[in-house]
Amino acid sequence: MSDIDNIKHLSPEEFSMLDLSSVTLVDMREPDEVLIGGFENAINIPLSGGFAKLDTLPVDKLVVLICAEGVLSEQVAEYLADKGYDAASLDGGYKAYRAYLQEKEQNAAAPEEENISGDQDVPETYVLIDAKGMKCPGPIVKVADHLRDKPAGETVIVEATEDAFASDIRVWCDRTGNHLDELVIDNGLIRAKITRAYSNENTSAMEQHDKTFVVFSGDLDKTIAAFIIANGAAAMGRKVTMLFTFWGLNILRRPNKVRTAKSLVERMFGVMMPRGTTGLGLSRMNMGGIGAKMIRAIMKQKGISSLEELIESAKEHGVRLVACQMSMDIMGIRREELIDGVELGGVATFIGSGELSDMSLFI
């Protein structure tokens, strides 16, 4: 058991060894969830029924709170701790506890590692960039990363298998000042020969083509699209600014809990919003989160970068992530809760960026 500020966190293993007769056990799941799998002698105080019963809990024993995934119980544990209770939350909630029990019965199968090797049938005088199997914006980003610091005259050959790459590489070369010497499509394999045609000092092809996004939606599909476009623009050497406001702020929240001073209303508001990218749902056909899981599984199966990988790639390539301060104040989100690499801004930041952009998108 480890103390974090004035509340305690119990791992599933620690909870399994706890003498439940010596604590006050509070199950915060809905009654139908408790019927499927509950705990003997637990007090059921679901979110839908309000929290008036919290004030009647005894103060002479440790109060252990359980919810479905550990988010609500942690918030309520903080609330009780502020009122003088000795409170603890089950990390990961009932879901993590059930997984722990199942893992004890049967060890999880270890994932197999894939060994993917590309063909090397390329003249030795050229550098091969193997982008086979990669999906947009991966091939373009990989080419841009390789050529970014190379001198004029550097020649590379890129091999890709995504059909869209044939169009993308033509446009990328045209808009970045590089030269597409050759483009061959043979039985699903696209091979492009590219020569770096300008020096680092001659960047006129990239001037006054900034891109600005307002990310208002907190939907998984719209967020993926926003970061695919942002990464593609960064790969073309453009300055990209993404302003996150209202529901879009949830994208920038850390997945782990950050202890900050909040009112109970702000804490409950935070519980009802997804914490970070893993909690985002689809704008359509979400089906209680099943749709989002299906989309992520398909993306992984087809070799498409996950949303989390797209965000890290955007930060690595200089995409500016700006959180709207006004929206944060309304929604009770503190700066400490945001992921690294995010700055705070407002309407002037957006207007200033938009005036230097030839494209502004509201997503």
Foldseek 3Di string as FASTA:
>chain_A
DDDDPQAAEAELVRVVPDPVVQAAEEEQEDPVVCVVPNDPNHHYNHVVNPDPCVVVDDQPGEYEYAYQQFQVQVLVQVVVVVVPHHYYYYHGGPVNNVVVVVCVVPPDDDDDDDDDDDDDPDPPVAAEDEAALEDAPVQLLSVLVVCVQPAFFHKHKYKYQDPCVQVLVVVLCVLAVKDFPDWDADPRIIITMITRHDGPVPGPSAFLAAEEEEEEDLALVVLLVVLSVLLSCLSSVHAYEYEYAALSVQQFFDQDDDDDDDDSVLSVLVSVHHRHNVPHAHPPPRVVVPVVVVVQVVCVVSNYDHSVVSVVSSLVSNHAAEYEPVRCVVNVHDPVRGDPRYYYDHDVVRVVSVVSHPYYYYD
